[in-house]
Amino acid sequence: TIAVFSVDRNKINEISKAAQNGNSLDSFKSETTLSLAQSIKTLPEAFPTAINTCGRVCVHHSGDFVIVSNRGHQSIAVFKIEKNNPNKGLLRNVGFYHTRGETPRHFQFDSSGKYLIV
């Protein structure tokens, strides 16, 4: 499962200004700057989650996709990052792709960003 968080930029700016001015940050101890926006499975619905772990999570250099390796499912899960409101920043599942190998941990895009090496 991947967790997507939203950030309260106004609160972060307020905390940052206070820190820059040398003010105490004690008043911000109970402030929340992150909130859970989405929780999305990295596996197909029918696959048992108990026998899977994620090896790596990364964002494609275009900023358009999140890619995850599933070490029990032997797959790469691809999610599109939504760019339009009201779903801006949320993930949409594009698909699961078998790695043709076992327990994929690490993967890397080539310099063009077109090919994924697992």
C-alpha atoms as a PDB file:
ATOM      1  CA  THR A   1       0.000   0.000   0.000  1.00  0.00           C
ATOM      2  CA  ILE A   2       1.195   3.499  -0.848  1.00  0.00           C
ATOM      3  CA  ALA A   3       0.158   6.455   1.278  1.00  0.00           C
ATOM      4  CA  VAL A   4      -0.243   9.856  -0.390  1.00  0.00           C
ATOM      5  CA  PHE A   5      -0.164  12.912   1.835  1.00  0.00           C
ATOM      6  CA  SER A   6      -1.269  16.490   1.263  1.00  0.00           C
ATOM      7  CA  VAL A   7       0.818  19.314   2.668  1.00  0.00           C
ATOM      8  CA  ASP A   8      -0.475  22.438   4.400  1.00  0.00           C
ATOM      9  CA  ARG A   9       1.862  24.891   2.654  1.00  0.00           C
ATOM     10  CA  ASN A  10       0.486  27.883   4.567  1.00  0.00           C
ATOM     11  CA  LYS A  11       1.322  26.231   7.887  1.00  0.00           C
ATOM     12  CA  ILE A  12       4.814  25.269   6.648  1.00  0.00           C
ATOM     13  CA  ASN A  13       5.439  28.876   5.550  1.00  0.00           C
ATOM     14  CA  GLU A  14       4.272  30.131   8.937  1.00  0.00           C
ATOM     15  CA  ILE A  15       6.614  27.733  10.773  1.00  0.00           C
ATOM     16  CA  SER A  16       9.477  28.598   8.433  1.00  0.00           C
ATOM     17  CA  LYS A  17       9.049  32.348   9.007  1.00  0.00           C
ATOM     18  CA  ALA A  18       8.948  31.848  12.767  1.00  0.00           C
ATOM     19  CA  ALA A  19      12.166  29.811  12.624  1.00  0.00           C
ATOM     20  CA  GLN A  20      13.898  32.381  10.392  1.00  0.00           C
ATOM     21  CA  ASN A  21      12.957  35.151  12.825  1.00  0.00           C
ATOM     22  CA  GLY A  22      14.377  33.186  15.744  1.00  0.00           C
ATOM     23  CA  ASN A  23      10.959  32.755  17.356  1.00  0.00           C
ATOM     24  CA  SER A  24      10.090  29.755  19.490  1.00  0.00           C
ATOM     25  CA  LEU A  25       8.477  26.883  17.627  1.00  0.00           C
ATOM     26  CA  ASP A  26       6.769  25.532  20.759  1.00  0.00           C
ATOM     27  CA  SER A  27       3.398  26.910  19.670  1.00  0.00           C
ATOM     28  CA  PHE A  28       3.531  24.666  16.573  1.00  0.00           C
ATOM     29  CA  LYS A  29       4.015  21.370  18.440  1.00  0.00           C
ATOM     30  CA  SER A  30       0.369  20.381  18.044  1.00  0.00           C
ATOM     31  CA  GLU A  31       0.102  21.682  14.468  1.00  0.00           C
ATOM     32  CA  THR A  32      -0.309  19.218  11.616  1.00  0.00           C
ATOM     33  CA  THR A  33       1.324  19.958   8.269  1.00  0.00           C
ATOM     34  CA  LEU A  34       0.612  16.587   6.620  1.00  0.00           C
ATOM     35  CA  SER A  35      -2.693  14.794   6.187  1.00  0.00           C
ATOM     36  CA  LEU A  36      -3.469  11.483   4.517  1.00  0.00           C
ATOM     37  CA  ALA A  37      -5.020  12.128   1.097  1.00  0.00           C
ATOM     38  CA  GLN A  38      -5.050   8.573  -0.292  1.00  0.00           C
ATOM     39  CA  SER A  39      -4.065   5.006   0.502  1.00  0.00           C
ATOM     40  CA  ILE A  40      -3.797   2.759  -2.558  1.00  0.00           C
ATOM     41  CA  LYS A  41      -2.839  -0.917  -2.905  1.00  0.00           C
ATOM     42  CA  THR A  42       0.195  -1.814  -5.009  1.00  0.00           C
ATOM     43  CA  LEU A  43      -1.278  -5.245  -5.824  1.00  0.00           C
ATOM     44  CA  PRO A  44      -4.265  -6.557  -7.778  1.00  0.00           C
ATOM     45  CA  GLU A  45      -7.312  -7.022  -5.531  1.00  0.00           C
ATOM     46  CA  ALA A  46      -7.214 -10.842  -5.675  1.00  0.00           C
ATOM     47  CA  PHE A  47      -3.558 -11.152  -4.601  1.00  0.00           C
ATOM     48  CA  PRO A  48      -2.960 -11.744  -0.841  1.00  0.00           C
ATOM     49  CA  THR A  49      -1.055  -8.863   0.729  1.00  0.00           C
ATOM     50  CA  ALA A  50       0.512 -11.088   3.398  1.00  0.00           C
ATOM     51  CA  ILE A  51       3.064 -12.511   0.955  1.00  0.00           C
ATOM     52  CA  ASN A  52       4.198  -9.232  -0.594  1.00  0.00           C
ATOM     53  CA  THR A  53       6.538  -6.409   0.341  1.00  0.00           C
ATOM     54  CA  CYS A  54       7.442  -3.320  -1.632  1.00  0.00           C
ATOM     55  CA  GLY A  55      11.093  -3.130  -2.614  1.00  0.00           C
ATOM     56  CA  ARG A  56      11.222   0.410  -3.944  1.00  0.00           C
ATOM     57  CA  VAL A  57       8.944   3.360  -4.631  1.00  0.00           C
ATOM     58  CA  CYS A  58       9.997   6.160  -6.970  1.00  0.00           C
ATOM     59  CA  VAL A  59       8.620   8.999  -9.049  1.00  0.00           C
ATOM     60  CA  HIS A  60       9.492   9.042 -12.762  1.00  0.00           C
ATOM     61  CA  HIS A  61      11.639  12.052 -13.693  1.00  0.00           C
ATOM     62  CA  SER A  62       8.696  13.479 -15.687  1.00  0.00           C
ATOM     63  CA  GLY A  63       6.729  13.775 -12.444  1.00  0.00           C
ATOM     64  CA  ASP A  64       3.825  11.945 -14.083  1.00  0.00           C
ATOM     65  CA  PHE A  65       4.149   8.441 -12.622  1.00  0.00           C
ATOM     66  CA  VAL A  66       4.884   6.569  -9.390  1.00  0.00           C
ATOM     67  CA  ILE A  67       6.490   3.154  -9.847  1.00  0.00           C
ATOM     68  CA  VAL A  68       6.612   0.418  -7.180  1.00  0.00           C
ATOM     69  CA  SER A  69       8.314  -2.985  -7.106  1.00  0.00           C
ATOM     70  CA  ASN A  70       6.255  -5.796  -5.537  1.00  0.00           C
ATOM     71  CA  ARG A  71       8.574  -8.469  -4.166  1.00  0.00           C
ATOM     72  CA  GLY A  72       5.958 -11.200  -3.575  1.00  0.00           C
ATOM     73  CA  HIS A  73       3.845 -10.534  -6.643  1.00  0.00           C
ATOM     74  CA  GLN A  74       7.012 -10.304  -8.824  1.00  0.00           C
ATOM     75  CA  SER A  75       5.722  -7.171 -10.492  1.00  0.00           C
ATOM     76  CA  ILE A  76       6.117  -3.479 -11.086  1.00  0.00           C
ATOM     77  CA  ALA A  77       3.017  -1.418 -10.313  1.00  0.00           C
ATOM     78  CA  VAL A  78       2.590   1.839 -12.213  1.00  0.00           C
ATOM     79  CA  PHE A  79       0.416   4.725 -11.038  1.00  0.00           C
ATOM     80  CA  LYS A  80      -0.404   7.943 -12.891  1.00  0.00           C
ATOM     81  CA  ILE A  81      -0.214  11.110 -10.800  1.00  0.00           C
ATOM     82  CA  GLU A  82      -3.403  13.053 -11.469  1.00  0.00           C
ATOM     83  CA  LYS A  83      -2.701  16.633 -12.558  1.00  0.00           C
ATOM     84  CA  ASN A  84      -6.237  18.068 -12.633  1.00  0.00           C
ATOM     85  CA  ASN A  85      -8.536  19.135  -9.824  1.00  0.00           C
ATOM     86  CA  PRO A  86     -10.305  17.725  -7.837  1.00  0.00           C
ATOM     87  CA  ASN A  87      -7.964  14.699  -7.901  1.00  0.00           C
ATOM     88  CA  LYS A  88      -4.719  16.655  -8.295  1.00  0.00           C
ATOM     89  CA  GLY A  89      -1.845  14.772  -6.687  1.00  0.00           C
ATOM     90  CA  LEU A  90      -3.768  11.525  -6.224  1.00  0.00           C
ATOM     91  CA  LEU A  91      -2.699   8.260  -7.846  1.00  0.00           C
ATOM     92  CA  ARG A  92      -4.581   6.251 -10.472  1.00  0.00           C
ATOM     93  CA  ASN A  93      -3.531   2.667 -11.155  1.00  0.00           C
ATOM     94  CA  VAL A  94      -2.211   2.159 -14.691  1.00  0.00           C
ATOM     95  CA  GLY A  95      -1.290  -1.504 -14.363  1.00  0.00           C
ATOM     96  CA  PHE A  96       0.855  -4.314 -13.002  1.00  0.00           C
ATOM     97  CA  TYR A  97       3.730  -5.675 -15.060  1.00  0.00           C
ATOM     98  CA  HIS A  98       5.419  -9.007 -14.358  1.00  0.00           C
ATOM     99  CA  THR A  99       9.196  -8.653 -13.969  1.00  0.00           C
ATOM    100  CA  ARG A 100       9.979 -12.171 -15.263  1.00  0.00           C
ATOM    101  CA  GLY A 101      12.191 -12.571 -12.223  1.00  0.00           C
ATOM    102  CA  GLU A 102      11.819 -13.100  -8.498  1.00  0.00           C
ATOM    103  CA  THR A 103      11.619 -10.606  -5.644  1.00  0.00           C
ATOM    104  CA  PRO A 104      12.331  -7.399  -7.593  1.00  0.00           C
ATOM    105  CA  ARG A 105      13.970  -4.981  -5.205  1.00  0.00           C
ATOM    106  CA  HIS A 106      15.572  -2.224  -7.223  1.00  0.00           C
ATOM    107  CA  PHE A 107      14.859  -0.764 -10.643  1.00  0.00           C
ATOM    108  CA  GLN A 108      16.244   2.129 -12.619  1.00  0.00           C
ATOM    109  CA  PHE A 109      15.205   4.099 -15.685  1.00  0.00           C
ATOM    110  CA  ASP A 110      17.717   4.530 -18.470  1.00  0.00           C
ATOM    111  CA  SER A 111      18.887   8.082 -19.209  1.00  0.00           C
ATOM    112  CA  SER A 112      16.090   8.630 -21.751  1.00  0.00           C
ATOM    113  CA  GLY A 113      13.409   7.678 -19.200  1.00  0.00           C
ATOM    114  CA  LYS A 114      11.827   5.322 -21.745  1.00  0.00           C
ATOM    115  CA  TYR A 115      13.181   2.012 -20.443  1.00  0.00           C
ATOM    116  CA  LEU A 116      12.953   0.482 -16.994  1.00  0.00           C
ATOM    117  CA  ILE A 117      15.641  -1.967 -15.900  1.00  0.00           C
ATOM    118  CA  VAL A 118      14.529  -4.311 -13.105  1.00  0.00           C
END
